């Protein structure tokens, strides 16, 4: 059984691309998800993207090959929030 992976991204206005702000596997991933839930931070399950992003370091911009899927996730979250972000 593979350990759960969690990646937290941020995309502040004016930055060229989203970047990794936190990541973890197993227990750390579970804690990240728990904290996200407690703070009403939306969680999207996208295993392939999480696995690719887990290869990068905190502070790294997401790689170009993940732009399309991550853009879709951010667009979905934006729509969920009625464009308030």
C-alpha atoms as a PDB file:
ATOM      1  CA  UNK A   1       0.000   0.000   0.000  1.00  0.00           C
ATOM      2  CA  UNK A   2       1.384   3.355  -1.055  1.00  0.00           C
ATOM      3  CA  UNK A   3       1.586   6.176   1.480  1.00  0.00           C
ATOM      4  CA  UNK A   4      -0.793   9.095   1.051  1.00  0.00           C
ATOM      5  CA  UNK A   5       0.806  12.204  -0.458  1.00  0.00           C
ATOM      6  CA  UNK A   6      -0.277  15.794   0.167  1.00  0.00           C
ATOM      7  CA  UNK A   7       0.973  18.917  -1.577  1.00  0.00           C
ATOM      8  CA  UNK A   8      -0.021  22.486  -0.662  1.00  0.00           C
ATOM      9  CA  UNK A   9       0.231  25.120  -3.366  1.00  0.00           C
ATOM     10  CA  UNK A  10       0.018  28.891  -3.396  1.00  0.00           C
ATOM     11  CA  UNK A  11      -0.423  31.217  -6.362  1.00  0.00           C
ATOM     12  CA  UNK A  12      -0.228  34.823  -5.173  1.00  0.00           C
ATOM     13  CA  UNK A  13      -1.095  37.554  -7.625  1.00  0.00           C
ATOM     14  CA  UNK A  14       1.926  38.692  -9.600  1.00  0.00           C
ATOM     15  CA  UNK A  15       3.811  35.384  -9.348  1.00  0.00           C
ATOM     16  CA  UNK A  16       4.694  33.593 -12.599  1.00  0.00           C
ATOM     17  CA  UNK A  17       3.274  30.213 -11.510  1.00  0.00           C
ATOM     18  CA  UNK A  18       1.928  28.359  -8.467  1.00  0.00           C
ATOM     19  CA  UNK A  19       4.577  27.078  -6.088  1.00  0.00           C
ATOM     20  CA  UNK A  20       4.835  24.398  -3.419  1.00  0.00           C
ATOM     21  CA  UNK A  21       4.381  25.704   0.129  1.00  0.00           C
ATOM     22  CA  UNK A  22       4.196  22.347   1.956  1.00  0.00           C
ATOM     23  CA  UNK A  23       4.365  18.651   1.175  1.00  0.00           C
ATOM     24  CA  UNK A  24       4.278  15.378   3.009  1.00  0.00           C
ATOM     25  CA  UNK A  25       3.715  11.636   2.844  1.00  0.00           C
ATOM     26  CA  UNK A  26       2.056   9.233   5.233  1.00  0.00           C
ATOM     27  CA  UNK A  27       1.509  10.711   8.690  1.00  0.00           C
ATOM     28  CA  UNK A  28       2.582  14.209   7.586  1.00  0.00           C
ATOM     29  CA  UNK A  29       0.112  14.096   4.669  1.00  0.00           C
ATOM     30  CA  UNK A  30      -2.667  13.011   7.022  1.00  0.00           C
ATOM     31  CA  UNK A  31      -1.860  15.912   9.363  1.00  0.00           C
ATOM     32  CA  UNK A  32      -1.791  18.375   6.451  1.00  0.00           C
ATOM     33  CA  UNK A  33      -5.252  17.191   5.368  1.00  0.00           C
ATOM     34  CA  UNK A  34      -6.537  17.408   8.949  1.00  0.00           C
ATOM     35  CA  UNK A  35      -5.264  20.975   9.322  1.00  0.00           C
ATOM     36  CA  UNK A  36      -6.729  21.928   5.931  1.00  0.00           C
ATOM     37  CA  UNK A  37     -10.120  20.583   6.986  1.00  0.00           C
ATOM     38  CA  UNK A  38      -9.992  22.409  10.337  1.00  0.00           C
ATOM     39  CA  UNK A  39      -9.222  25.657   8.503  1.00  0.00           C
ATOM     40  CA  UNK A  40     -11.749  25.120   5.695  1.00  0.00           C
ATOM     41  CA  UNK A  41      -8.987  24.960   3.079  1.00  0.00           C
ATOM     42  CA  UNK A  42     -10.312  23.134   0.010  1.00  0.00           C
ATOM     43  CA  UNK A  43      -8.698  19.786  -0.759  1.00  0.00           C
ATOM     44  CA  UNK A  44      -8.635  18.345  -4.263  1.00  0.00           C
ATOM     45  CA  UNK A  45      -7.582  14.730  -4.816  1.00  0.00           C
ATOM     46  CA  UNK A  46      -5.384  14.454  -7.888  1.00  0.00           C
ATOM     47  CA  UNK A  47      -3.028  11.553  -7.287  1.00  0.00           C
ATOM     48  CA  UNK A  48      -0.938  11.841 -10.449  1.00  0.00           C
ATOM     49  CA  UNK A  49      -0.277  15.569  -9.935  1.00  0.00           C
ATOM     50  CA  UNK A  50       0.536  14.985  -6.250  1.00  0.00           C
ATOM     51  CA  UNK A  51       3.018  12.258  -7.163  1.00  0.00           C
ATOM     52  CA  UNK A  52       4.744  14.477  -9.745  1.00  0.00           C
ATOM     53  CA  UNK A  53       4.829  17.508  -7.431  1.00  0.00           C
ATOM     54  CA  UNK A  54       6.204  15.407  -4.562  1.00  0.00           C
ATOM     55  CA  UNK A  55       9.444  15.126  -6.548  1.00  0.00           C
ATOM     56  CA  UNK A  56      10.008  18.879  -6.164  1.00  0.00           C
ATOM     57  CA  UNK A  57      11.051  20.947  -3.157  1.00  0.00           C
ATOM     58  CA  UNK A  58       9.090  23.391  -1.043  1.00  0.00           C
ATOM     59  CA  UNK A  59       9.465  26.796  -2.691  1.00  0.00           C
ATOM     60  CA  UNK A  60       9.746  25.352  -6.213  1.00  0.00           C
ATOM     61  CA  UNK A  61       7.366  26.512  -8.904  1.00  0.00           C
ATOM     62  CA  UNK A  62       5.233  23.730 -10.331  1.00  0.00           C
ATOM     63  CA  UNK A  63       6.740  22.129 -13.450  1.00  0.00           C
ATOM     64  CA  UNK A  64       5.334  23.058 -16.865  1.00  0.00           C
ATOM     65  CA  UNK A  65       3.959  19.543 -17.407  1.00  0.00           C
ATOM     66  CA  UNK A  66       1.520  20.088 -14.522  1.00  0.00           C
ATOM     67  CA  UNK A  67       0.255  23.527 -15.632  1.00  0.00           C
ATOM     68  CA  UNK A  68      -2.877  22.223 -17.358  1.00  0.00           C
ATOM     69  CA  UNK A  69      -4.116  20.060 -14.485  1.00  0.00           C
ATOM     70  CA  UNK A  70      -3.224  22.632 -11.815  1.00  0.00           C
ATOM     71  CA  UNK A  71      -4.870  25.439 -13.822  1.00  0.00           C
ATOM     72  CA  UNK A  72      -8.018  23.299 -13.949  1.00  0.00           C
ATOM     73  CA  UNK A  73      -7.896  22.822 -10.180  1.00  0.00           C
ATOM     74  CA  UNK A  74      -7.409  26.541  -9.495  1.00  0.00           C
ATOM     75  CA  UNK A  75     -10.239  27.401 -11.933  1.00  0.00           C
ATOM     76  CA  UNK A  76     -12.530  24.912 -10.174  1.00  0.00           C
ATOM     77  CA  UNK A  77     -11.679  26.376  -6.753  1.00  0.00           C
ATOM     78  CA  UNK A  78     -12.229  29.895  -8.077  1.00  0.00           C
ATOM     79  CA  UNK A  79     -15.680  28.940  -9.397  1.00  0.00           C
ATOM     80  CA  UNK A  80     -16.507  27.165  -6.115  1.00  0.00           C
ATOM     81  CA  UNK A  81     -15.714  30.369  -4.290  1.00  0.00           C
ATOM     82  CA  UNK A  82     -17.869  32.436  -6.711  1.00  0.00           C
ATOM     83  CA  UNK A  83     -14.805  34.324  -7.868  1.00  0.00           C
ATOM     84  CA  UNK A  84     -14.227  35.909  -4.450  1.00  0.00           C
ATOM     85  CA  UNK A  85     -10.518  35.066  -4.437  1.00  0.00           C
END
